[in-house]
Amino acid sequence: MLSGKQKRFLRALGHGLKPVITVGKSDVSEAVIRETNEALESHELIKVKILESCLIDRHEVAEELCNAAGAELAQVLGRTLLLYRAAKEPRMELPKK
């Protein structure tokens, strides 16, 4: 579980990122989960864009992706999610809790 201080740190890092994953009409499919896992393995911190064609609520999408990928939700801003999962050999150091 991320603390408030850690979430603020991740939001600052994620500000300049471009969305890597796009969730559309097919909602949270196996392919989207697989891509999310691969992106988190290589980047640790990713942005996910939810298109207007997605029928599921943005908070439900965030919960499903986090549960499926074992990630932490750092931010929900409009239709954009910021997800974090520490790598086996972390490249970024989070502030202490």
PDB file of N, CA and C in Angstrom:
ATOM      1  N   MET A   1       0.836  -1.182   0.000  1.00  0.00           N
ATOM      2  CA  MET A   1       0.000   0.000   0.000  1.00  0.00           C
ATOM      3  C   MET A   1       0.880   1.244   0.000  1.00  0.00           C
ATOM      4  N   LEU A   2       0.583   2.136  -0.909  1.00  0.00           N
ATOM      5  CA  LEU A   2       1.363   3.367  -1.020  1.00  0.00           C
ATOM      6  C   LEU A   2       0.867   4.411  -0.031  1.00  0.00           C
ATOM      7  N   SER A   3       1.800   5.130   0.576  1.00  0.00           N
ATOM      8  CA  SER A   3       1.423   6.231   1.459  1.00  0.00           C
ATOM      9  C   SER A   3       1.128   7.472   0.620  1.00  0.00           C
ATOM     10  N   GLY A   4       0.574   8.490   1.241  1.00  0.00           N
ATOM     11  CA  GLY A   4       0.267   9.730   0.533  1.00  0.00           C
ATOM     12  C   GLY A   4       1.509  10.392  -0.032  1.00  0.00           C
ATOM     13  N   LYS A   5       2.584  10.334   0.731  1.00  0.00           N
ATOM     14  CA  LYS A   5       3.853  10.927   0.295  1.00  0.00           C
ATOM     15  C   LYS A   5       4.391  10.203  -0.938  1.00  0.00           C
ATOM     16  N   GLN A   6       4.280   8.877  -0.948  1.00  0.00           N
ATOM     17  CA  GLN A   6       4.746   8.088  -2.085  1.00  0.00           C
ATOM     18  C   GLN A   6       3.880   8.350  -3.320  1.00  0.00           C
ATOM     19  N   LYS A   7       2.570   8.486  -3.124  1.00  0.00           N
ATOM     20  CA  LYS A   7       1.680   8.785  -4.248  1.00  0.00           C
ATOM     21  C   LYS A   7       2.000  10.147  -4.850  1.00  0.00           C
ATOM     22  N   ARG A   8       2.269  11.142  -4.015  1.00  0.00           N
ATOM     23  CA  ARG A   8       2.644  12.469  -4.523  1.00  0.00           C
ATOM     24  C   ARG A   8       3.936  12.393  -5.321  1.00  0.00           C
ATOM     25  N   PHE A   9       4.893  11.616  -4.835  1.00  0.00           N
ATOM     26  CA  PHE A   9       6.167  11.433  -5.532  1.00  0.00           C
ATOM     27  C   PHE A   9       5.939  10.797  -6.903  1.00  0.00           C
ATOM     28  N   LEU A  10       5.106   9.754  -6.956  1.00  0.00           N
ATOM     29  CA  LEU A  10       4.823   9.064  -8.215  1.00  0.00           C
ATOM     30  C   LEU A  10       4.039   9.956  -9.178  1.00  0.00           C
ATOM     31  N   ARG A  11       3.112  10.748  -8.660  1.00  0.00           N
ATOM     32  CA  ARG A  11       2.355  11.664  -9.520  1.00  0.00           C
ATOM     33  C   ARG A  11       3.286  12.688 -10.157  1.00  0.00           C
ATOM     34  N   ALA A  12       4.266  13.159  -9.393  1.00  0.00           N
ATOM     35  CA  ALA A  12       5.237  14.116  -9.943  1.00  0.00           C
ATOM     36  C   ALA A  12       6.055  13.472 -11.056  1.00  0.00           C
ATOM     37  N   LEU A  13       6.472  12.224 -10.860  1.00  0.00           N
ATOM     38  CA  LEU A  13       7.239  11.515 -11.888  1.00  0.00           C
ATOM     39  C   LEU A  13       6.380  11.207 -13.113  1.00  0.00           C
ATOM     40  N   GLY A  14       5.113  10.906 -12.885  1.00  0.00           N
ATOM     41  CA  GLY A  14       4.234  10.510 -13.969  1.00  0.00           C
ATOM     42  C   GLY A  14       3.666  11.655 -14.780  1.00  0.00           C
ATOM     43  N   HIS A  15       3.856  12.887 -14.313  1.00  0.00           N
ATOM     44  CA  HIS A  15       3.267  14.044 -14.981  1.00  0.00           C
ATOM     45  C   HIS A  15       3.657  14.128 -16.458  1.00  0.00           C
ATOM     46  N   GLY A  16       4.906  13.895 -16.771  1.00  0.00           N
ATOM     47  CA  GLY A  16       5.382  14.034 -18.138  1.00  0.00           C
ATOM     48  C   GLY A  16       5.253  12.786 -18.999  1.00  0.00           C
ATOM     49  N   LEU A  17       4.744  11.702 -18.429  1.00  0.00           N
ATOM     50  CA  LEU A  17       4.631  10.452 -19.187  1.00  0.00           C
ATOM     51  C   LEU A  17       3.483  10.495 -20.183  1.00  0.00           C
ATOM     52  N   LYS A  18       3.644   9.764 -21.266  1.00  0.00           N
ATOM     53  CA  LYS A  18       2.575   9.569 -22.245  1.00  0.00           C
ATOM     54  C   LYS A  18       1.885   8.241 -21.932  1.00  0.00           C
ATOM     55  N   PRO A  19       0.582   8.124 -22.199  1.00  0.00           N
ATOM     56  CA  PRO A  19      -0.104   6.845 -21.954  1.00  0.00           C
ATOM     57  C   PRO A  19       0.501   5.709 -22.791  1.00  0.00           C
ATOM     58  N   VAL A  20       0.743   4.586 -22.132  1.00  0.00           N
ATOM     59  CA  VAL A  20       1.340   3.423 -22.780  1.00  0.00           C
ATOM     60  C   VAL A  20       0.255   2.411 -23.148  1.00  0.00           C
ATOM     61  N   ILE A  21      -0.785   2.330 -22.332  1.00  0.00           N
ATOM     62  CA  ILE A  21      -1.870   1.381 -22.511  1.00  0.00           C
ATOM     63  C   ILE A  21      -3.155   2.164 -22.778  1.00  0.00           C
ATOM     64  N   THR A  22      -3.987   1.638 -23.690  1.00  0.00           N
ATOM     65  CA  THR A  22      -5.271   2.243 -23.991  1.00  0.00           C
ATOM     66  C   THR A  22      -6.368   1.206 -23.785  1.00  0.00           C
ATOM     67  N   VAL A  23      -7.369   1.555 -22.982  1.00  0.00           N
ATOM     68  CA  VAL A  23      -8.504   0.673 -22.740  1.00  0.00           C
ATOM     69  C   VAL A  23      -9.676   1.222 -23.531  1.00  0.00           C
ATOM     70  N   GLY A  24     -10.203   0.404 -24.434  1.00  0.00           N
ATOM     71  CA  GLY A  24     -11.271   0.859 -25.318  1.00  0.00           C
ATOM     72  C   GLY A  24     -12.530   0.029 -25.188  1.00  0.00           C
ATOM     73  N   LYS A  25     -13.133  -0.246 -26.328  1.00  0.00           N
ATOM     74  CA  LYS A  25     -14.426  -0.925 -26.385  1.00  0.00           C
ATOM     75  C   LYS A  25     -14.380  -2.336 -25.797  1.00  0.00           C
ATOM     76  N   SER A  26     -13.251  -2.999 -25.904  1.00  0.00           N
ATOM     77  CA  SER A  26     -13.154  -4.376 -25.391  1.00  0.00           C
ATOM     78  C   SER A  26     -12.966  -4.415 -23.876  1.00  0.00           C
ATOM     79  N   ASP A  27     -12.974  -3.259 -23.234  1.00  0.00           N
ATOM     80  CA  ASP A  27     -12.818  -3.124 -21.783  1.00  0.00           C
ATOM     81  C   ASP A  27     -11.497  -3.749 -21.321  1.00  0.00           C
ATOM     82  N   VAL A  28     -11.487  -4.380 -20.156  1.00  0.00           N
ATOM     83  CA  VAL A  28     -10.255  -4.960 -19.608  1.00  0.00           C
ATOM     84  C   VAL A  28     -10.181  -6.418 -20.061  1.00  0.00           C
ATOM     85  N   SER A  29      -9.543  -6.641 -21.202  1.00  0.00           N
ATOM     86  CA  SER A  29      -9.423  -7.984 -21.761  1.00  0.00           C
ATOM     87  C   SER A  29      -8.090  -8.608 -21.347  1.00  0.00           C
ATOM     88  N   GLU A  30      -7.933  -9.867 -21.682  1.00  0.00           N
ATOM     89  CA  GLU A  30      -6.675 -10.564 -21.389  1.00  0.00           C
ATOM     90  C   GLU A  30      -5.494  -9.882 -22.072  1.00  0.00           C
ATOM     91  N   ALA A  31      -5.711  -9.398 -23.291  1.00  0.00           N
ATOM     92  CA  ALA A  31      -4.639  -8.726 -24.030  1.00  0.00           C
ATOM     93  C   ALA A  31      -4.208  -7.442 -23.326  1.00  0.00           C
ATOM     94  N   VAL A  32      -5.164  -6.686 -22.817  1.00  0.00           N
ATOM     95  CA  VAL A  32      -4.844  -5.441 -22.103  1.00  0.00           C
ATOM     96  C   VAL A  32      -4.085  -5.754 -20.816  1.00  0.00           C
ATOM     97  N   ILE A  33      -4.498  -6.797 -20.119  1.00  0.00           N
ATOM     98  CA  ILE A  33      -3.811  -7.202 -18.884  1.00  0.00           C
ATOM     99  C   ILE A  33      -2.385  -7.643 -19.188  1.00  0.00           C
ATOM    100  N   ARG A  34      -2.212  -8.408 -20.257  1.00  0.00           N
ATOM    101  CA  ARG A  34      -0.877  -8.864 -20.651  1.00  0.00           C
ATOM    102  C   ARG A  34       0.026  -7.675 -20.990  1.00  0.00           C
ATOM    103  N   GLU A  35      -0.502  -6.733 -21.776  1.00  0.00           N
ATOM    104  CA  GLU A  35       0.274  -5.539 -22.134  1.00  0.00           C
ATOM    105  C   GLU A  35       0.622  -4.709 -20.902  1.00  0.00           C
ATOM    106  N   THR A  36      -0.314  -4.606 -19.973  1.00  0.00           N
ATOM    107  CA  THR A  36      -0.069  -3.851 -18.738  1.00  0.00           C
ATOM    108  C   THR A  36       1.045  -4.495 -17.933  1.00  0.00           C
ATOM    109  N   ASN A  37       1.017  -5.816 -17.814  1.00  0.00           N
ATOM    110  CA  ASN A  37       2.077  -6.531 -17.094  1.00  0.00           C
ATOM    111  C   ASN A  37       3.441  -6.287 -17.733  1.00  0.00           C
ATOM    112  N   GLU A  38       3.495  -6.381 -19.063  1.00  0.00           N
ATOM    113  CA  GLU A  38       4.766  -6.170 -19.768  1.00  0.00           C
ATOM    114  C   GLU A  38       5.266  -4.736 -19.585  1.00  0.00           C
ATOM    115  N   ALA A  39       4.354  -3.773 -19.663  1.00  0.00           N
ATOM    116  CA  ALA A  39       4.745  -2.369 -19.504  1.00  0.00           C
ATOM    117  C   ALA A  39       5.233  -2.092 -18.088  1.00  0.00           C
ATOM    118  N   LEU A  40       4.569  -2.669 -17.092  1.00  0.00           N
ATOM    119  CA  LEU A  40       4.996  -2.467 -15.699  1.00  0.00           C
ATOM    120  C   LEU A  40       6.341  -3.123 -15.427  1.00  0.00           C
ATOM    121  N   GLU A  41       6.602  -4.267 -16.056  1.00  0.00           N
ATOM    122  CA  GLU A  41       7.896  -4.930 -15.877  1.00  0.00           C
ATOM    123  C   GLU A  41       9.037  -4.063 -16.389  1.00  0.00           C
ATOM    124  N   SER A  42       8.802  -3.369 -17.498  1.00  0.00           N
ATOM    125  CA  SER A  42       9.892  -2.590 -18.084  1.00  0.00           C
ATOM    126  C   SER A  42       9.950  -1.152 -17.586  1.00  0.00           C
ATOM    127  N   HIS A  43       8.810  -0.584 -17.151  1.00  0.00           N
ATOM    128  CA  HIS A  43       8.807   0.834 -16.782  1.00  0.00           C
ATOM    129  C   HIS A  43       8.540   1.122 -15.311  1.00  0.00           C
ATOM    130  N   GLU A  44       7.929   0.222 -14.582  1.00  0.00           N
ATOM    131  CA  GLU A  44       7.514   0.400 -13.184  1.00  0.00           C
ATOM    132  C   GLU A  44       6.347   1.369 -13.009  1.00  0.00           C
ATOM    133  N   LEU A  45       6.362   2.504 -13.702  1.00  0.00           N
ATOM    134  CA  LEU A  45       5.318   3.515 -13.581  1.00  0.00           C
ATOM    135  C   LEU A  45       4.761   3.794 -14.976  1.00  0.00           C
ATOM    136  N   ILE A  46       3.444   3.579 -15.148  1.00  0.00           N
ATOM    137  CA  ILE A  46       2.842   3.766 -16.477  1.00  0.00           C
ATOM    138  C   ILE A  46       1.535   4.547 -16.377  1.00  0.00           C
ATOM    139  N   LYS A  47       1.188   5.172 -17.495  1.00  0.00           N
ATOM    140  CA  LYS A  47      -0.106   5.820 -17.628  1.00  0.00           C
ATOM    141  C   LYS A  47      -0.994   4.948 -18.502  1.00  0.00           C
ATOM    142  N   VAL A  48      -2.280   4.878 -18.132  1.00  0.00           N
ATOM    143  CA  VAL A  48      -3.273   4.131 -18.882  1.00  0.00           C
ATOM    144  C   VAL A  48      -4.376   5.104 -19.269  1.00  0.00           C
ATOM    145  N   LYS A  49      -4.719   5.144 -20.541  1.00  0.00           N
ATOM    146  CA  LYS A  49      -5.778   6.023 -21.048  1.00  0.00           C
ATOM    147  C   LYS A  49      -7.038   5.200 -21.261  1.00  0.00           C
ATOM    148  N   ILE A  50      -8.172   5.705 -20.764  1.00  0.00           N
ATOM    149  CA  ILE A  50      -9.460   5.040 -20.952  1.00  0.00           C
ATOM    150  C   ILE A  50     -10.238   5.844 -21.985  1.00  0.00           C
ATOM    151  N   LEU A  51     -10.585   5.201 -23.094  1.00  0.00           N
ATOM    152  CA  LEU A  51     -11.301   5.873 -24.169  1.00  0.00           C
ATOM    153  C   LEU A  51     -12.781   6.022 -23.838  1.00  0.00           C
ATOM    154  N   GLU A  52     -13.441   6.925 -24.546  1.00  0.00           N
ATOM    155  CA  GLU A  52     -14.878   7.150 -24.364  1.00  0.00           C
ATOM    156  C   GLU A  52     -15.692   5.899 -24.683  1.00  0.00           C
ATOM    157  N   SER A  53     -15.173   5.054 -25.559  1.00  0.00           N
ATOM    158  CA  SER A  53     -15.904   3.850 -25.969  1.00  0.00           C
ATOM    159  C   SER A  53     -15.928   2.765 -24.893  1.00  0.00           C
ATOM    160  N   CYS A  54     -15.122   2.926 -23.837  1.00  0.00           N
ATOM    161  CA  CYS A  54     -15.102   1.946 -22.747  1.00  0.00           C
ATOM    162  C   CYS A  54     -16.388   2.084 -21.937  1.00  0.00           C
ATOM    163  N   LEU A  55     -17.097   0.979 -21.754  1.00  0.00           N
ATOM    164  CA  LEU A  55     -18.392   0.997 -21.084  1.00  0.00           C
ATOM    165  C   LEU A  55     -18.292   0.899 -19.560  1.00  0.00           C
ATOM    166  N   ILE A  56     -17.136   0.496 -19.049  1.00  0.00           N
ATOM    167  CA  ILE A  56     -16.946   0.325 -17.604  1.00  0.00           C
ATOM    168  C   ILE A  56     -16.514   1.657 -16.988  1.00  0.00           C
ATOM    169  N   ASP A  57     -16.915   1.900 -15.738  1.00  0.00           N
ATOM    170  CA  ASP A  57     -16.506   3.084 -14.994  1.00  0.00           C
ATOM    171  C   ASP A  57     -14.985   3.099 -14.817  1.00  0.00           C
ATOM    172  N   ARG A  58     -14.397   4.279 -14.825  1.00  0.00           N
ATOM    173  CA  ARG A  58     -12.932   4.405 -14.745  1.00  0.00           C
ATOM    174  C   ARG A  58     -12.364   3.819 -13.458  1.00  0.00           C
ATOM    175  N   HIS A  59     -13.099   3.914 -12.349  1.00  0.00           N
ATOM    176  CA  HIS A  59     -12.604   3.358 -11.091  1.00  0.00           C
ATOM    177  C   HIS A  59     -12.659   1.827 -11.108  1.00  0.00           C
ATOM    178  N   GLU A  60     -13.634   1.259 -11.797  1.00  0.00           N
ATOM    179  CA  GLU A  60     -13.709  -0.196 -11.952  1.00  0.00           C
ATOM    180  C   GLU A  60     -12.568  -0.701 -12.832  1.00  0.00           C
ATOM    181  N   VAL A  61     -12.259   0.048 -13.889  1.00  0.00           N
ATOM    182  CA  VAL A  61     -11.135  -0.309 -14.760  1.00  0.00           C
ATOM    183  C   VAL A  61      -9.840  -0.302 -13.948  1.00  0.00           C
ATOM    184  N   ALA A  62      -9.659   0.744 -13.130  1.00  0.00           N
ATOM    185  CA  ALA A  62      -8.450   0.854 -12.305  1.00  0.00           C
ATOM    186  C   ALA A  62      -8.343  -0.334 -11.347  1.00  0.00           C
ATOM    187  N   GLU A  63      -9.453  -0.689 -10.702  1.00  0.00           N
ATOM    188  CA  GLU A  63      -9.446  -1.802  -9.752  1.00  0.00           C
ATOM    189  C   GLU A  63      -9.132  -3.127 -10.442  1.00  0.00           C
ATOM    190  N   GLU A  64      -9.764  -3.358 -11.599  1.00  0.00           N
ATOM    191  CA  GLU A  64      -9.520  -4.609 -12.337  1.00  0.00           C
ATOM    192  C   GLU A  64      -8.072  -4.718 -12.792  1.00  0.00           C
ATOM    193  N   LEU A  65      -7.518  -3.633 -13.342  1.00  0.00           N
ATOM    194  CA  LEU A  65      -6.128  -3.662 -13.806  1.00  0.00           C
ATOM    195  C   LEU A  65      -5.162  -3.854 -12.649  1.00  0.00           C
ATOM    196  N   CYS A  66      -5.397  -3.161 -11.550  1.00  0.00           N
ATOM    197  CA  CYS A  66      -4.510  -3.289 -10.391  1.00  0.00           C
ATOM    198  C   CYS A  66      -4.534  -4.703  -9.827  1.00  0.00           C
ATOM    199  N   ASN A  67      -5.718  -5.277  -9.707  1.00  0.00           N
ATOM    200  CA  ASN A  67      -5.831  -6.649  -9.193  1.00  0.00           C
ATOM    201  C   ASN A  67      -5.178  -7.656 -10.132  1.00  0.00           C
ATOM    202  N   ALA A  68      -5.402  -7.504 -11.420  1.00  0.00           N
ATOM    203  CA  ALA A  68      -4.865  -8.461 -12.392  1.00  0.00           C
ATOM    204  C   ALA A  68      -3.353  -8.355 -12.539  1.00  0.00           C
ATOM    205  N   ALA A  69      -2.824  -7.126 -12.433  1.00  0.00           N
ATOM    206  CA  ALA A  69      -1.388  -6.921 -12.656  1.00  0.00           C
ATOM    207  C   ALA A  69      -0.596  -6.842 -11.356  1.00  0.00           C
ATOM    208  N   GLY A  70      -1.263  -6.852 -10.222  1.00  0.00           N
ATOM    209  CA  GLY A  70      -0.559  -6.727  -8.950  1.00  0.00           C
ATOM    210  C   GLY A  70       0.075  -5.356  -8.782  1.00  0.00           C
ATOM    211  N   ALA A  71      -0.602  -4.341  -9.298  1.00  0.00           N
ATOM    212  CA  ALA A  71      -0.061  -2.980  -9.276  1.00  0.00           C
ATOM    213  C   ALA A  71      -0.776  -2.129  -8.234  1.00  0.00           C
ATOM    214  N   GLU A  72      -0.215  -0.973  -7.970  1.00  0.00           N
ATOM    215  CA  GLU A  72      -0.802   0.007  -7.056  1.00  0.00           C
ATOM    216  C   GLU A  72      -1.314   1.172  -7.877  1.00  0.00           C
ATOM    217  N   LEU A  73      -2.437   1.714  -7.503  1.00  0.00           N
ATOM    218  CA  LEU A  73      -3.007   2.873  -8.172  1.00  0.00           C
ATOM    219  C   LEU A  73      -2.459   4.136  -7.515  1.00  0.00           C
ATOM    220  N   ALA A  74      -1.754   4.943  -8.294  1.00  0.00           N
ATOM    221  CA  ALA A  74      -1.187   6.185  -7.769  1.00  0.00           C
ATOM    222  C   ALA A  74      -2.122   7.363  -8.004  1.00  0.00           C
ATOM    223  N   GLN A  75      -2.918   7.312  -9.112  1.00  0.00           N
ATOM    224  CA  GLN A  75      -3.772   8.448  -9.423  1.00  0.00           C
ATOM    225  C   GLN A  75      -4.833   8.073 -10.450  1.00  0.00           C
ATOM    226  N   VAL A  76      -6.009   8.653 -10.285  1.00  0.00           N
ATOM    227  CA  VAL A  76      -7.053   8.633 -11.307  1.00  0.00           C
ATOM    228  C   VAL A  76      -7.348  10.095 -11.591  1.00  0.00           C
ATOM    229  N   LEU A  77      -7.061  10.524 -12.800  1.00  0.00           N
ATOM    230  CA  LEU A  77      -7.279  11.914 -13.181  1.00  0.00           C
ATOM    231  C   LEU A  77      -8.040  11.922 -14.496  1.00  0.00           C
ATOM    232  N   GLY A  78      -9.320  12.259 -14.436  1.00  0.00           N
ATOM    233  CA  GLY A  78     -10.152  12.208 -15.631  1.00  0.00           C
ATOM    234  C   GLY A  78     -10.243  10.777 -16.120  1.00  0.00           C
ATOM    235  N   ARG A  79      -9.837  10.556 -17.353  1.00  0.00           N
ATOM    236  CA  ARG A  79      -9.859   9.206 -17.928  1.00  0.00           C
ATOM    237  C   ARG A  79      -8.450   8.628 -18.032  1.00  0.00           C
ATOM    238  N   THR A  80      -7.551   9.099 -17.183  1.00  0.00           N
ATOM    239  CA  THR A  80      -6.169   8.632 -17.185  1.00  0.00           C
ATOM    240  C   THR A  80      -5.832   8.049 -15.819  1.00  0.00           C
ATOM    241  N   LEU A  81      -5.201   6.867 -15.834  1.00  0.00           N
ATOM    242  CA  LEU A  81      -4.769   6.198 -14.606  1.00  0.00           C
ATOM    243  C   LEU A  81      -3.250   6.198 -14.546  1.00  0.00           C
ATOM    244  N   LEU A  82      -2.721   6.242 -13.348  1.00  0.00           N
ATOM    245  CA  LEU A  82      -1.282   6.125 -13.142  1.00  0.00           C
ATOM    246  C   LEU A  82      -1.061   4.897 -12.259  1.00  0.00           C
ATOM    247  N   LEU A  83      -0.397   3.883 -12.815  1.00  0.00           N
ATOM    248  CA  LEU A  83      -0.170   2.623 -12.104  1.00  0.00           C
ATOM    249  C   LEU A  83       1.299   2.438 -11.793  1.00  0.00           C
ATOM    250  N   TYR A  84       1.581   1.835 -10.627  1.00  0.00           N
ATOM    251  CA  TYR A  84       2.954   1.584 -10.199  1.00  0.00           C
ATOM    252  C   TYR A  84       3.069   0.152  -9.687  1.00  0.00           C
ATOM    253  N   ARG A  85       4.155  -0.498 -10.085  1.00  0.00           N
ATOM    254  CA  ARG A  85       4.525  -1.797  -9.529  1.00  0.00           C
ATOM    255  C   ARG A  85       6.040  -1.858  -9.499  1.00  0.00           C
ATOM    256  N   ALA A  86       6.595  -2.104  -8.325  1.00  0.00           N
ATOM    257  CA  ALA A  86       8.046  -2.174  -8.189  1.00  0.00           C
ATOM    258  C   ALA A  86       8.585  -3.361  -8.978  1.00  0.00           C
ATOM    259  N   ALA A  87       9.698  -3.146  -9.662  1.00  0.00           N
ATOM    260  CA  ALA A  87      10.338  -4.220 -10.423  1.00  0.00           C
ATOM    261  C   ALA A  87      11.119  -5.123  -9.473  1.00  0.00           C
ATOM    262  N   LYS A  88      11.562  -6.261  -9.994  1.00  0.00           N
ATOM    263  CA  LYS A  88      12.366  -7.162  -9.169  1.00  0.00           C
ATOM    264  C   LYS A  88      13.635  -6.465  -8.714  1.00  0.00           C
ATOM    265  N   GLU A  89      14.200  -5.652  -9.605  1.00  0.00           N
ATOM    266  CA  GLU A  89      15.336  -4.794  -9.259  1.00  0.00           C
ATOM    267  C   GLU A  89      14.889  -3.353  -9.482  1.00  0.00           C
ATOM    268  N   PRO A  90      14.285  -2.721  -8.460  1.00  0.00           N
ATOM    269  CA  PRO A  90      13.701  -1.385  -8.636  1.00  0.00           C
ATOM    270  C   PRO A  90      14.712  -0.359  -9.146  1.00  0.00           C
ATOM    271  N   ARG A  91      14.252   0.456 -10.112  1.00  0.00           N
ATOM    272  CA  ARG A  91      15.092   1.512 -10.666  1.00  0.00           C
ATOM    273  C   ARG A  91      14.831   2.851  -9.989  1.00  0.00           C
ATOM    274  N   MET A  92      13.665   2.980  -9.361  1.00  0.00           N
ATOM    275  CA  MET A  92      13.360   4.220  -8.654  1.00  0.00           C
ATOM    276  C   MET A  92      13.153   3.924  -7.173  1.00  0.00           C
ATOM    277  N   GLU A  93      13.562   4.844  -6.343  1.00  0.00           N
ATOM    278  CA  GLU A  93      13.449   4.670  -4.908  1.00  0.00           C
ATOM    279  C   GLU A  93      12.346   5.575  -4.398  1.00  0.00           C
ATOM    280  N   LEU A  94      11.347   4.966  -3.771  1.00  0.00           N
ATOM    281  CA  LEU A  94      10.236   5.723  -3.217  1.00  0.00           C
ATOM    282  C   LEU A  94      10.632   6.329  -1.874  1.00  0.00           C
ATOM    283  N   PRO A  95      10.012   7.454  -1.505  1.00  0.00           N
ATOM    284  CA  PRO A  95      10.251   8.009  -0.164  1.00  0.00           C
ATOM    285  C   PRO A  95       9.776   7.020   0.911  1.00  0.00           C
ATOM    286  N   LYS A  96      10.350   7.117   2.081  1.00  0.00           N
ATOM    287  CA  LYS A  96       9.955   6.247   3.186  1.00  0.00           C
ATOM    288  C   LYS A  96       8.529   6.560   3.617  1.00  0.00           C
ATOM    289  N   LYS A  97       7.836   5.540   4.133  1.00  0.00           N
ATOM    290  CA  LYS A  97       6.449   5.733   4.580  1.00  0.00           C
ATOM    291  C   LYS A  97       6.380   6.578   5.819  1.00  0.00           C
TER     292      LYS A  97
END
